Amino acid sequence: MARSLEMTPDCKVDMFYSCKTEPELIYLDVIRQTVETHNKNFRIFPWTADKMGMITADKIKQKVGDVKGKDIFLCGPPPMMKALREQFIKLGVPNDHIHSEEFSTK
């Protein structure tokens, strides 16, 4: 997706790649290389819960600044998506600006 993302100069993407541990961050090098090669407006933030705690909307806001008016794309287990959606709404992101793709490993 990062390779095919057509971005205008004023469009910026911040991707938070969150896993429990660092070994679970599969393809991180490929994603970094793709981003560096194809898109200078795409930043990746690897996040591991064992070292950084669970990812939250507040922690994302601390890294990237205000999230109001942004489009948020979420992908992960349903409980995580539900929690993050609620947190982003509390930060002022309209629900229709939050897009999600839930999955489960069960």
PDB file of N, CA and C in Angstrom:
ATOM      1  N   MET A   1       0.833  -1.186   0.000  1.00  0.00           N
ATOM      2  CA  MET A   1       0.000   0.000   0.000  1.00  0.00           C
ATOM      3  C   MET A   1       0.881   1.254   0.000  1.00  0.00           C
ATOM      4  N   ALA A   2       1.971   1.229   0.757  1.00  0.00           N
ATOM      5  CA  ALA A   2       2.859   2.399   0.816  1.00  0.00           C
ATOM      6  C   ALA A   2       3.464   2.694  -0.556  1.00  0.00           C
ATOM      7  N   ARG A   3       3.771   1.641  -1.326  1.00  0.00           N
ATOM      8  CA  ARG A   3       4.339   1.838  -2.663  1.00  0.00           C
ATOM      9  C   ARG A   3       3.346   2.471  -3.623  1.00  0.00           C
ATOM     10  N   SER A   4       2.088   2.080  -3.512  1.00  0.00           N
ATOM     11  CA  SER A   4       1.103   2.531  -4.489  1.00  0.00           C
ATOM     12  C   SER A   4       0.384   3.808  -4.065  1.00  0.00           C
ATOM     13  N   LEU A   5       0.635   4.278  -2.875  1.00  0.00           N
ATOM     14  CA  LEU A   5      -0.058   5.457  -2.380  1.00  0.00           C
ATOM     15  C   LEU A   5       0.372   6.693  -3.154  1.00  0.00           C
ATOM     16  N   GLU A   6      -0.548   7.248  -3.902  1.00  0.00           N
ATOM     17  CA  GLU A   6      -0.298   8.485  -4.635  1.00  0.00           C
ATOM     18  C   GLU A   6      -0.587   9.640  -3.703  1.00  0.00           C
ATOM     19  N   MET A   7       0.428  10.433  -3.446  1.00  0.00           N
ATOM     20  CA  MET A   7       0.240  11.518  -2.496  1.00  0.00           C
ATOM     21  C   MET A   7       0.535  12.854  -3.148  1.00  0.00           C
ATOM     22  N   THR A   8      -0.297  13.807  -2.819  1.00  0.00           N
ATOM     23  CA  THR A   8      -0.035  15.170  -3.249  1.00  0.00           C
ATOM     24  C   THR A   8       0.975  15.769  -2.281  1.00  0.00           C
ATOM     25  N   PRO A   9       1.665  16.827  -2.654  1.00  0.00           N
ATOM     26  CA  PRO A   9       2.692  17.393  -1.781  1.00  0.00           C
ATOM     27  C   PRO A   9       2.181  17.784  -0.387  1.00  0.00           C
ATOM     28  N   ASP A  10       0.916  18.146  -0.270  1.00  0.00           N
ATOM     29  CA  ASP A  10       0.399  18.556   1.043  1.00  0.00           C
ATOM     30  C   ASP A  10      -0.191  17.393   1.848  1.00  0.00           C
ATOM     31  N   CYS A  11      -0.154  16.186   1.312  1.00  0.00           N
ATOM     32  CA  CYS A  11      -0.676  15.003   2.001  1.00  0.00           C
ATOM     33  C   CYS A  11       0.464  14.321   2.755  1.00  0.00           C
ATOM     34  N   LYS A  12       0.225  14.053   4.036  1.00  0.00           N
ATOM     35  CA  LYS A  12       1.236  13.401   4.863  1.00  0.00           C
ATOM     36  C   LYS A  12       0.615  12.209   5.577  1.00  0.00           C
ATOM     37  N   VAL A  13       1.394  11.132   5.699  1.00  0.00           N
ATOM     38  CA  VAL A  13       0.942   9.923   6.373  1.00  0.00           C
ATOM     39  C   VAL A  13       1.915   9.600   7.494  1.00  0.00           C
ATOM     40  N   ASP A  14       1.375   9.352   8.678  1.00  0.00           N
ATOM     41  CA  ASP A  14       2.145   8.855   9.804  1.00  0.00           C
ATOM     42  C   ASP A  14       1.594   7.480  10.146  1.00  0.00           C
ATOM     43  N   MET A  15       2.430   6.458   9.975  1.00  0.00           N
ATOM     44  CA  MET A  15       2.003   5.079  10.236  1.00  0.00           C
ATOM     45  C   MET A  15       2.614   4.602  11.546  1.00  0.00           C
ATOM     46  N   PHE A  16       1.752   4.173  12.460  1.00  0.00           N
ATOM     47  CA  PHE A  16       2.205   3.577  13.703  1.00  0.00           C
ATOM     48  C   PHE A  16       2.056   2.068  13.564  1.00  0.00           C
ATOM     49  N   TYR A  17       3.187   1.395  13.535  1.00  0.00           N
ATOM     50  CA  TYR A  17       3.230  -0.062  13.377  1.00  0.00           C
ATOM     51  C   TYR A  17       3.419  -0.651  14.760  1.00  0.00           C
ATOM     52  N   SER A  18       2.349  -1.167  15.337  1.00  0.00           N
ATOM     53  CA  SER A  18       2.346  -1.592  16.729  1.00  0.00           C
ATOM     54  C   SER A  18       2.251  -3.107  16.864  1.00  0.00           C
ATOM     55  N   CYS A  19       3.145  -3.652  17.669  1.00  0.00           N
ATOM     56  CA  CYS A  19       3.152  -5.081  18.003  1.00  0.00           C
ATOM     57  C   CYS A  19       3.533  -5.232  19.463  1.00  0.00           C
ATOM     58  N   LYS A  20       3.410  -6.445  19.969  1.00  0.00           N
ATOM     59  CA  LYS A  20       3.787  -6.681  21.363  1.00  0.00           C
ATOM     60  C   LYS A  20       5.297  -6.590  21.553  1.00  0.00           C
ATOM     61  N   THR A  21       6.058  -7.212  20.646  1.00  0.00           N
ATOM     62  CA  THR A  21       7.517  -7.249  20.771  1.00  0.00           C
ATOM     63  C   THR A  21       8.172  -6.905  19.438  1.00  0.00           C
ATOM     64  N   GLU A  22       9.426  -6.509  19.487  1.00  0.00           N
ATOM     65  CA  GLU A  22      10.150  -6.111  18.280  1.00  0.00           C
ATOM     66  C   GLU A  22      10.216  -7.203  17.203  1.00  0.00           C
ATOM     67  N   PRO A  23      10.444  -8.486  17.557  1.00  0.00           N
ATOM     68  CA  PRO A  23      10.480  -9.518  16.506  1.00  0.00           C
ATOM     69  C   PRO A  23       9.172  -9.641  15.717  1.00  0.00           C
ATOM     70  N   GLU A  24       8.082  -9.156  16.278  1.00  0.00           N
ATOM     71  CA  GLU A  24       6.791  -9.218  15.581  1.00  0.00           C
ATOM     72  C   GLU A  24       6.625  -8.116  14.535  1.00  0.00           C
ATOM     73  N   LEU A  25       7.542  -7.170  14.479  1.00  0.00           N
ATOM     74  CA  LEU A  25       7.469  -6.083  13.489  1.00  0.00           C
ATOM     75  C   LEU A  25       7.990  -6.587  12.144  1.00  0.00           C
ATOM     76  N   ILE A  26       7.263  -7.550  11.575  1.00  0.00           N
ATOM     77  CA  ILE A  26       7.716  -8.162  10.324  1.00  0.00           C
ATOM     78  C   ILE A  26       7.653  -7.152   9.180  1.00  0.00           C
ATOM     79  N   TYR A  27       8.576  -7.278   8.267  1.00  0.00           N
ATOM     80  CA  TYR A  27       8.699  -6.423   7.085  1.00  0.00           C
ATOM     81  C   TYR A  27       8.980  -4.959   7.402  1.00  0.00           C
ATOM     82  N   LEU A  28       9.421  -4.664   8.621  1.00  0.00           N
ATOM     83  CA  LEU A  28       9.707  -3.269   8.970  1.00  0.00           C
ATOM     84  C   LEU A  28      10.771  -2.682   8.060  1.00  0.00           C
ATOM     85  N   ASP A  29      11.827  -3.437   7.767  1.00  0.00           N
ATOM     86  CA  ASP A  29      12.882  -2.935   6.876  1.00  0.00           C
ATOM     87  C   ASP A  29      12.348  -2.666   5.474  1.00  0.00           C
ATOM     88  N   VAL A  30      11.478  -3.533   4.980  1.00  0.00           N
ATOM     89  CA  VAL A  30      10.888  -3.358   3.648  1.00  0.00           C
ATOM     90  C   VAL A  30      10.017  -2.105   3.628  1.00  0.00           C
ATOM     91  N   ILE A  31       9.235  -1.921   4.676  1.00  0.00           N
ATOM     92  CA  ILE A  31       8.376  -0.735   4.749  1.00  0.00           C
ATOM     93  C   ILE A  31       9.234   0.520   4.801  1.00  0.00           C
ATOM     94  N   ARG A  32      10.257   0.515   5.627  1.00  0.00           N
ATOM     95  CA  ARG A  32      11.147   1.685   5.717  1.00  0.00           C
ATOM     96  C   ARG A  32      11.788   1.996   4.378  1.00  0.00           C
ATOM     97  N   GLN A  33      12.284   0.977   3.691  1.00  0.00           N
ATOM     98  CA  GLN A  33      12.922   1.183   2.392  1.00  0.00           C
ATOM     99  C   GLN A  33      11.923   1.727   1.373  1.00  0.00           C
ATOM    100  N   THR A  34      10.724   1.184   1.370  1.00  0.00           N
ATOM    101  CA  THR A  34       9.688   1.645   0.455  1.00  0.00           C
ATOM    102  C   THR A  34       9.354   3.101   0.710  1.00  0.00           C
ATOM    103  N   VAL A  35       9.203   3.448   1.955  1.00  0.00           N
ATOM    104  CA  VAL A  35       8.853   4.813   2.327  1.00  0.00           C
ATOM    105  C   VAL A  35       9.966   5.769   1.919  1.00  0.00           C
ATOM    106  N   GLU A  36      11.206   5.415   2.216  1.00  0.00           N
ATOM    107  CA  GLU A  36      12.339   6.280   1.881  1.00  0.00           C
ATOM    108  C   GLU A  36      12.499   6.436   0.375  1.00  0.00           C
ATOM    109  N   THR A  37      12.230   5.387  -0.370  1.00  0.00           N
ATOM    110  CA  THR A  37      12.407   5.399  -1.818  1.00  0.00           C
ATOM    111  C   THR A  37      11.265   6.086  -2.544  1.00  0.00           C
ATOM    112  N   HIS A  38      10.053   5.849  -2.093  1.00  0.00           N
ATOM    113  CA  HIS A  38       8.878   6.270  -2.847  1.00  0.00           C
ATOM    114  C   HIS A  38       8.121   7.467  -2.291  1.00  0.00           C
ATOM    115  N   ASN A  39       8.279   7.736  -1.035  1.00  0.00           N
ATOM    116  CA  ASN A  39       7.393   8.745  -0.489  1.00  0.00           C
ATOM    117  C   ASN A  39       8.000   9.452   0.719  1.00  0.00           C
ATOM    118  N   LYS A  40       8.426  10.658   0.526  1.00  0.00           N
ATOM    119  CA  LYS A  40       9.046  11.437   1.605  1.00  0.00           C
ATOM    120  C   LYS A  40       8.022  11.969   2.606  1.00  0.00           C
ATOM    121  N   ASN A  41       6.745  11.977   2.275  1.00  0.00           N
ATOM    122  CA  ASN A  41       5.700  12.454   3.179  1.00  0.00           C
ATOM    123  C   ASN A  41       5.085  11.339   4.007  1.00  0.00           C
ATOM    124  N   PHE A  42       5.707  10.177   3.994  1.00  0.00           N
ATOM    125  CA  PHE A  42       5.203   9.005   4.716  1.00  0.00           C
ATOM    126  C   PHE A  42       6.222   8.667   5.799  1.00  0.00           C
ATOM    127  N   ARG A  43       5.790   8.790   7.062  1.00  0.00           N
ATOM    128  CA  ARG A  43       6.674   8.459   8.176  1.00  0.00           C
ATOM    129  C   ARG A  43       6.162   7.213   8.877  1.00  0.00           C
ATOM    130  N   ILE A  44       7.095   6.375   9.326  1.00  0.00           N
ATOM    131  CA  ILE A  44       6.705   5.171  10.063  1.00  0.00           C
ATOM    132  C   ILE A  44       7.249   5.242  11.479  1.00  0.00           C
ATOM    133  N   PHE A  45       6.398   4.863  12.419  1.00  0.00           N
ATOM    134  CA  PHE A  45       6.743   4.851  13.830  1.00  0.00           C
ATOM    135  C   PHE A  45       6.558   3.427  14.360  1.00  0.00           C
ATOM    136  N   PRO A  46       7.626   2.645  14.464  1.00  0.00           N
ATOM    137  CA  PRO A  46       7.487   1.315  15.063  1.00  0.00           C
ATOM    138  C   PRO A  46       7.152   1.462  16.552  1.00  0.00           C
ATOM    139  N   TRP A  47       6.264   0.606  17.045  1.00  0.00           N
ATOM    140  CA  TRP A  47       5.807   0.710  18.436  1.00  0.00           C
ATOM    141  C   TRP A  47       5.719  -0.694  19.014  1.00  0.00           C
ATOM    142  N   THR A  48       6.412  -0.930  20.118  1.00  0.00           N
ATOM    143  CA  THR A  48       6.314  -2.232  20.771  1.00  0.00           C
ATOM    144  C   THR A  48       5.790  -2.057  22.193  1.00  0.00           C
ATOM    145  N   ALA A  49       4.745  -2.797  22.487  1.00  0.00           N
ATOM    146  CA  ALA A  49       4.074  -2.676  23.783  1.00  0.00           C
ATOM    147  C   ALA A  49       4.987  -3.079  24.942  1.00  0.00           C
ATOM    148  N   ASP A  50       5.868  -4.052  24.705  1.00  0.00           N
ATOM    149  CA  ASP A  50       6.726  -4.492  25.807  1.00  0.00           C
ATOM    150  C   ASP A  50       7.695  -3.405  26.261  1.00  0.00           C
ATOM    151  N   LYS A  51       8.083  -2.505  25.363  1.00  0.00           N
ATOM    152  CA  LYS A  51       9.029  -1.443  25.713  1.00  0.00           C
ATOM    153  C   LYS A  51       8.365  -0.077  25.874  1.00  0.00           C
ATOM    154  N   MET A  52       7.252   0.148  25.172  1.00  0.00           N
ATOM    155  CA  MET A  52       6.652   1.479  25.125  1.00  0.00           C
ATOM    156  C   MET A  52       5.256   1.546  25.736  1.00  0.00           C
ATOM    157  N   GLY A  53       4.732   0.409  26.151  1.00  0.00           N
ATOM    158  CA  GLY A  53       3.365   0.360  26.648  1.00  0.00           C
ATOM    159  C   GLY A  53       2.377   0.260  25.500  1.00  0.00           C
ATOM    160  N   MET A  54       1.145   0.033  25.841  1.00  0.00           N
ATOM    161  CA  MET A  54       0.102  -0.076  24.810  1.00  0.00           C
ATOM    162  C   MET A  54      -0.010   1.249  24.069  1.00  0.00           C
ATOM    163  N   ILE A  55      -0.236   1.164  22.789  1.00  0.00           N
ATOM    164  CA  ILE A  55      -0.401   2.377  21.995  1.00  0.00           C
ATOM    165  C   ILE A  55      -1.765   2.989  22.303  1.00  0.00           C
ATOM    166  N   THR A  56      -1.790   4.303  22.414  1.00  0.00           N
ATOM    167  CA  THR A  56      -3.036   5.017  22.678  1.00  0.00           C
ATOM    168  C   THR A  56      -3.107   6.236  21.768  1.00  0.00           C
ATOM    169  N   ALA A  57      -4.291   6.782  21.637  1.00  0.00           N
ATOM    170  CA  ALA A  57      -4.467   7.996  20.841  1.00  0.00           C
ATOM    171  C   ALA A  57      -3.662   9.150  21.442  1.00  0.00           C
ATOM    172  N   ASP A  58      -3.598   9.243  22.756  1.00  0.00           N
ATOM    173  CA  ASP A  58      -2.807  10.302  23.400  1.00  0.00           C
ATOM    174  C   ASP A  58      -1.326  10.180  23.059  1.00  0.00           C
ATOM    175  N   LYS A  59      -0.800   8.957  23.068  1.00  0.00           N
ATOM    176  CA  LYS A  59       0.611   8.745  22.735  1.00  0.00           C
ATOM    177  C   LYS A  59       0.882   9.083  21.273  1.00  0.00           C
ATOM    178  N   ILE A  60      -0.063   8.763  20.401  1.00  0.00           N
ATOM    179  CA  ILE A  60       0.081   9.120  18.988  1.00  0.00           C
ATOM    180  C   ILE A  60       0.081  10.634  18.848  1.00  0.00           C
ATOM    181  N   LYS A  61      -0.835  11.285  19.537  1.00  0.00           N
ATOM    182  CA  LYS A  61      -0.906  12.750  19.491  1.00  0.00           C
ATOM    183  C   LYS A  61       0.397  13.383  19.979  1.00  0.00           C
ATOM    184  N   GLN A  62       1.008  12.813  21.009  1.00  0.00           N
ATOM    185  CA  GLN A  62       2.286  13.327  21.505  1.00  0.00           C
ATOM    186  C   GLN A  62       3.375  13.268  20.434  1.00  0.00           C
ATOM    187  N   LYS A  63       3.325  12.258  19.579  1.00  0.00           N
ATOM    188  CA  LYS A  63       4.339  12.093  18.521  1.00  0.00           C
ATOM    189  C   LYS A  63       4.084  12.983  17.314  1.00  0.00           C
ATOM    190  N   VAL A  64       2.817  13.156  16.924  1.00  0.00           N
ATOM    191  CA  VAL A  64       2.514  13.822  15.649  1.00  0.00           C
ATOM    192  C   VAL A  64       1.795  15.153  15.783  1.00  0.00           C
ATOM    193  N   GLY A  65       1.362  15.500  16.986  1.00  0.00           N
ATOM    194  CA  GLY A  65       0.626  16.752  17.165  1.00  0.00           C
ATOM    195  C   GLY A  65      -0.871  16.542  17.065  1.00  0.00           C
ATOM    196  N   ASP A  66      -1.581  17.626  16.893  1.00  0.00           N
ATOM    197  CA  ASP A  66      -3.043  17.606  16.899  1.00  0.00           C
ATOM    198  C   ASP A  66      -3.599  16.622  15.870  1.00  0.00           C
ATOM    199  N   VAL A  67      -4.591  15.865  16.254  1.00  0.00           N
ATOM    200  CA  VAL A  67      -5.196  14.883  15.358  1.00  0.00           C
ATOM    201  C   VAL A  67      -6.588  15.298  14.883  1.00  0.00           C
ATOM    202  N   LYS A  68      -7.099  16.408  15.402  1.00  0.00           N
ATOM    203  CA  LYS A  68      -8.415  16.877  14.960  1.00  0.00           C
ATOM    204  C   LYS A  68      -8.372  17.167  13.463  1.00  0.00           C
ATOM    205  N   GLY A  69      -9.427  16.783  12.769  1.00  0.00           N
ATOM    206  CA  GLY A  69      -9.506  17.050  11.335  1.00  0.00           C
ATOM    207  C   GLY A  69      -8.703  16.084  10.489  1.00  0.00           C
ATOM    208  N   LYS A  70      -8.035  15.130  11.106  1.00  0.00           N
ATOM    209  CA  LYS A  70      -7.250  14.140  10.360  1.00  0.00           C
ATOM    210  C   LYS A  70      -8.113  12.923  10.074  1.00  0.00           C
ATOM    211  N   ASP A  71      -7.733  12.184   9.049  1.00  0.00           N
ATOM    212  CA  ASP A  71      -8.332  10.875   8.812  1.00  0.00           C
ATOM    213  C   ASP A  71      -7.457   9.853   9.498  1.00  0.00           C
ATOM    214  N   ILE A  72      -8.081   8.959  10.242  1.00  0.00           N
ATOM    215  CA  ILE A  72      -7.391   7.932  11.000  1.00  0.00           C
ATOM    216  C   ILE A  72      -7.780   6.582  10.410  1.00  0.00           C
ATOM    217  N   PHE A  73      -6.778   5.770  10.096  1.00  0.00           N
ATOM    218  CA  PHE A  73      -7.016   4.427   9.571  1.00  0.00           C
ATOM    219  C   PHE A  73      -6.471   3.431  10.589  1.00  0.00           C
ATOM    220  N   LEU A  74      -7.332   2.530  11.046  1.00  0.00           N
ATOM    221  CA  LEU A  74      -6.974   1.561  12.063  1.00  0.00           C
ATOM    222  C   LEU A  74      -7.089   0.149  11.508  1.00  0.00           C
ATOM    223  N   CYS A  75      -6.157  -0.696  11.906  1.00  0.00           N
ATOM    224  CA  CYS A  75      -6.228  -2.109  11.540  1.00  0.00           C
ATOM    225  C   CYS A  75      -5.661  -2.907  12.695  1.00  0.00           C
ATOM    226  N   GLY A  76      -6.402  -3.892  13.162  1.00  0.00           N
ATOM    227  CA  GLY A  76      -5.936  -4.708  14.269  1.00  0.00           C
ATOM    228  C   GLY A  76      -7.063  -5.483  14.900  1.00  0.00           C
ATOM    229  N   PRO A  77      -6.795  -6.092  16.025  1.00  0.00           N
ATOM    230  CA  PRO A  77      -7.838  -6.863  16.720  1.00  0.00           C
ATOM    231  C   PRO A  77      -8.997  -5.955  17.148  1.00  0.00           C
ATOM    232  N   PRO A  78     -10.226  -6.465  17.109  1.00  0.00           N
ATOM    233  CA  PRO A  78     -11.394  -5.645  17.440  1.00  0.00           C
ATOM    234  C   PRO A  78     -11.313  -4.878  18.757  1.00  0.00           C
ATOM    235  N   PRO A  79     -10.850  -5.468  19.862  1.00  0.00           N
ATOM    236  CA  PRO A  79     -10.802  -4.677  21.101  1.00  0.00           C
ATOM    237  C   PRO A  79      -9.864  -3.464  20.995  1.00  0.00           C
ATOM    238  N   MET A  80      -8.765  -3.626  20.303  1.00  0.00           N
ATOM    239  CA  MET A  80      -7.828  -2.518  20.114  1.00  0.00           C
ATOM    240  C   MET A  80      -8.459  -1.422  19.256  1.00  0.00           C
ATOM    241  N   MET A  81      -9.132  -1.824  18.190  1.00  0.00           N
ATOM    242  CA  MET A  81      -9.765  -0.849  17.301  1.00  0.00           C
ATOM    243  C   MET A  81     -10.857  -0.076  18.034  1.00  0.00           C
ATOM    244  N   LYS A  82     -11.648  -0.789  18.820  1.00  0.00           N
ATOM    245  CA  LYS A  82     -12.724  -0.135  19.573  1.00  0.00           C
ATOM    246  C   LYS A  82     -12.142   0.888  20.551  1.00  0.00           C
ATOM    247  N   ALA A  83     -11.112   0.489  21.284  1.00  0.00           N
ATOM    248  CA  ALA A  83     -10.500   1.385  22.263  1.00  0.00           C
ATOM    249  C   ALA A  83      -9.899   2.612  21.587  1.00  0.00           C
ATOM    250  N   LEU A  84      -9.165   2.408  20.505  1.00  0.00           N
ATOM    251  CA  LEU A  84      -8.539   3.541  19.812  1.00  0.00           C
ATOM    252  C   LEU A  84      -9.588   4.471  19.200  1.00  0.00           C
ATOM    253  N   ARG A  85     -10.639   3.890  18.625  1.00  0.00           N
ATOM    254  CA  ARG A  85     -11.702   4.723  18.061  1.00  0.00           C
ATOM    255  C   ARG A  85     -12.280   5.648  19.139  1.00  0.00           C
ATOM    256  N   GLU A  86     -12.618   5.075  20.288  1.00  0.00           N
ATOM    257  CA  GLU A  86     -13.177   5.867  21.388  1.00  0.00           C
ATOM    258  C   GLU A  86     -12.202   6.951  21.845  1.00  0.00           C
ATOM    259  N   GLN A  87     -10.924   6.610  21.913  1.00  0.00           N
ATOM    260  CA  GLN A  87      -9.915   7.579  22.338  1.00  0.00           C
ATOM    261  C   GLN A  87      -9.774   8.721  21.335  1.00  0.00           C
ATOM    262  N   PHE A  88      -9.761   8.399  20.041  1.00  0.00           N
ATOM    263  CA  PHE A  88      -9.642   9.454  19.025  1.00  0.00           C
ATOM    264  C   PHE A  88     -10.878  10.361  19.023  1.00  0.00           C
ATOM    265  N   ILE A  89     -12.044   9.784  19.237  1.00  0.00           N
ATOM    266  CA  ILE A  89     -13.260  10.588  19.310  1.00  0.00           C
ATOM    267  C   ILE A  89     -13.168  11.562  20.482  1.00  0.00           C
ATOM    268  N   LYS A  90     -12.660  11.093  21.621  1.00  0.00           N
ATOM    269  CA  LYS A  90     -12.481  11.980  22.781  1.00  0.00           C
ATOM    270  C   LYS A  90     -11.484  13.105  22.492  1.00  0.00           C
ATOM    271  N   LEU A  91     -10.559  12.865  21.557  1.00  0.00           N
ATOM    272  CA  LEU A  91      -9.590  13.904  21.178  1.00  0.00           C
ATOM    273  C   LEU A  91     -10.141  14.847  20.108  1.00  0.00           C
ATOM    274  N   GLY A  92     -11.405  14.634  19.697  1.00  0.00           N
ATOM    275  CA  GLY A  92     -12.034  15.546  18.757  1.00  0.00           C
ATOM    276  C   GLY A  92     -12.046  15.093  17.309  1.00  0.00           C
ATOM    277  N   VAL A  93     -11.634  13.858  17.036  1.00  0.00           N
ATOM    278  CA  VAL A  93     -11.691  13.337  15.669  1.00  0.00           C
ATOM    279  C   VAL A  93     -13.108  12.844  15.415  1.00  0.00           C
ATOM    280  N   PRO A  94     -13.779  13.359  14.378  1.00  0.00           N
ATOM    281  CA  PRO A  94     -15.140  12.883  14.089  1.00  0.00           C
ATOM    282  C   PRO A  94     -15.144  11.393  13.745  1.00  0.00           C
ATOM    283  N   ASN A  95     -16.157  10.685  14.163  1.00  0.00           N
ATOM    284  CA  ASN A  95     -16.257   9.250  13.914  1.00  0.00           C
ATOM    285  C   ASN A  95     -16.133   8.919  12.428  1.00  0.00           C
ATOM    286  N   ASP A  96     -16.692   9.765  11.561  1.00  0.00           N
ATOM    287  CA  ASP A  96     -16.627   9.465  10.125  1.00  0.00           C
ATOM    288  C   ASP A  96     -15.244   9.737   9.530  1.00  0.00           C
ATOM    289  N   HIS A  97     -14.302  10.185  10.345  1.00  0.00           N
ATOM    290  CA  HIS A  97     -12.913  10.340   9.909  1.00  0.00           C
ATOM    291  C   HIS A  97     -12.050   9.173  10.405  1.00  0.00           C
ATOM    292  N   ILE A  98     -12.683   8.215  11.069  1.00  0.00           N
ATOM    293  CA  ILE A  98     -11.970   7.055  11.588  1.00  0.00           C
ATOM    294  C   ILE A  98     -12.408   5.834  10.791  1.00  0.00           C
ATOM    295  N   HIS A  99     -11.465   5.250  10.086  1.00  0.00           N
ATOM    296  CA  HIS A  99     -11.728   4.111   9.206  1.00  0.00           C
ATOM    297  C   HIS A  99     -11.018   2.905   9.794  1.00  0.00           C
ATOM    298  N   SER A 100     -11.678   1.755   9.790  1.00  0.00           N
ATOM    299  CA  SER A 100     -11.048   0.596  10.413  1.00  0.00           C
ATOM    300  C   SER A 100     -11.247  -0.665   9.606  1.00  0.00           C
ATOM    301  N   GLU A 101     -10.308  -1.566   9.819  1.00  0.00           N
ATOM    302  CA  GLU A 101     -10.350  -2.902   9.221  1.00  0.00           C
ATOM    303  C   GLU A 101     -10.002  -3.882  10.336  1.00  0.00           C
ATOM    304  N   GLU A 102     -11.039  -4.449  10.938  1.00  0.00           N
ATOM    305  CA  GLU A 102     -10.824  -5.351  12.056  1.00  0.00           C
ATOM    306  C   GLU A 102     -10.423  -6.735  11.553  1.00  0.00           C
ATOM    307  N   PHE A 103      -9.662  -7.433  12.377  1.00  0.00           N
ATOM    308  CA  PHE A 103      -9.347  -8.821  12.087  1.00  0.00           C
ATOM    309  C   PHE A 103      -9.176  -9.562  13.402  1.00  0.00           C
ATOM    310  N   SER A 104      -9.208 -10.879  13.321  1.00  0.00           N
ATOM    311  CA  SER A 104      -9.019 -11.679  14.511  1.00  0.00           C
ATOM    312  C   SER A 104      -8.173 -12.888  14.141  1.00  0.00           C
ATOM    313  N   THR A 105      -7.355 -13.337  15.065  1.00  0.00           N
ATOM    314  CA  THR A 105      -6.515 -14.502  14.806  1.00  0.00           C
ATOM    315  C   THR A 105      -7.182 -15.789  15.267  1.00  0.00           C
ATOM    316  N   LYS A 106      -8.417 -15.699  15.721  1.00  0.00           N
ATOM    317  CA  LYS A 106      -9.155 -16.890  16.179  1.00  0.00           C
ATOM    318  C   LYS A 106      -9.995 -17.460  15.077  1.00  0.00           C
TER     319      LYS A 106
END
